[in-house]
Protein backbone atom coordinates (compact mmCIF):
# COMPACT_ATOMS: atom_id res chain seq x y z
CA UNK A 1 0.10 -0.22 0.41
CA UNK A 2 1.39 3.53 -0.94
CA UNK A 3 1.63 6.38 1.83
CA UNK A 4 -0.53 9.37 1.65
CA UNK A 5 1.08 12.19 0.01
CA UNK A 6 -1.45 14.72 0.70
CA UNK A 7 -2.08 16.33 3.92
CA UNK A 8 -5.51 17.73 4.62
CA UNK A 9 -5.97 21.12 5.60
CA UNK A 10 -6.96 20.38 9.25
CA UNK A 11 -3.96 18.27 9.67
CA UNK A 12 -1.74 21.36 8.81
CA UNK A 13 -3.77 23.87 10.85
CA UNK A 14 -3.29 21.82 14.14
CA UNK A 15 0.61 21.36 13.49
CA UNK A 16 0.49 25.25 13.14
CA UNK A 17 -1.30 25.51 16.46
CA UNK A 18 0.94 23.19 18.45
CA UNK A 19 3.52 24.60 17.24
CA UNK A 20 2.67 28.20 18.33
CA UNK A 21 1.13 26.65 21.51
CA UNK A 22 5.03 25.22 22.08
CA UNK A 23 6.37 28.88 21.16
CA UNK A 24 4.06 31.31 23.03
CA UNK A 25 1.93 29.15 25.74
CA UNK A 26 3.05 26.85 28.24
CA UNK A 27 3.22 23.86 25.87
CA UNK A 28 7.07 23.71 26.36
CA UNK A 29 7.19 23.44 30.42
CA UNK A 30 3.98 20.83 29.92
CA UNK A 31 6.29 18.84 27.88
CA UNK A 32 9.85 19.62 29.73
CA UNK A 33 7.78 18.11 32.39
CA UNK A 34 7.55 14.42 31.06
CA UNK A 35 10.75 14.58 28.76
CA UNK A 36 13.30 16.67 30.82
CA UNK A 37 15.81 19.16 29.06
CA UNK A 38 15.55 17.73 25.76
CA UNK A 39 11.84 18.76 24.48
CA UNK A 40 12.94 20.62 22.21
CA UNK A 41 14.80 18.01 20.35
CA UNK A 42 11.89 15.58 20.61
CA UNK A 43 9.09 18.30 19.65
CA UNK A 44 11.06 19.81 16.59
CA UNK A 45 12.60 16.44 15.83
């Protein structure tokens, strides 16, 4: 089975929303509680 080559706009919008929350809100701090100091590497890949 071939992988999907198209992303739905709702998926793209959700990724942008989470990236914004990571940068501007407290998502980074929340993730750091579980992932430690490497949260940036985990989130940004």
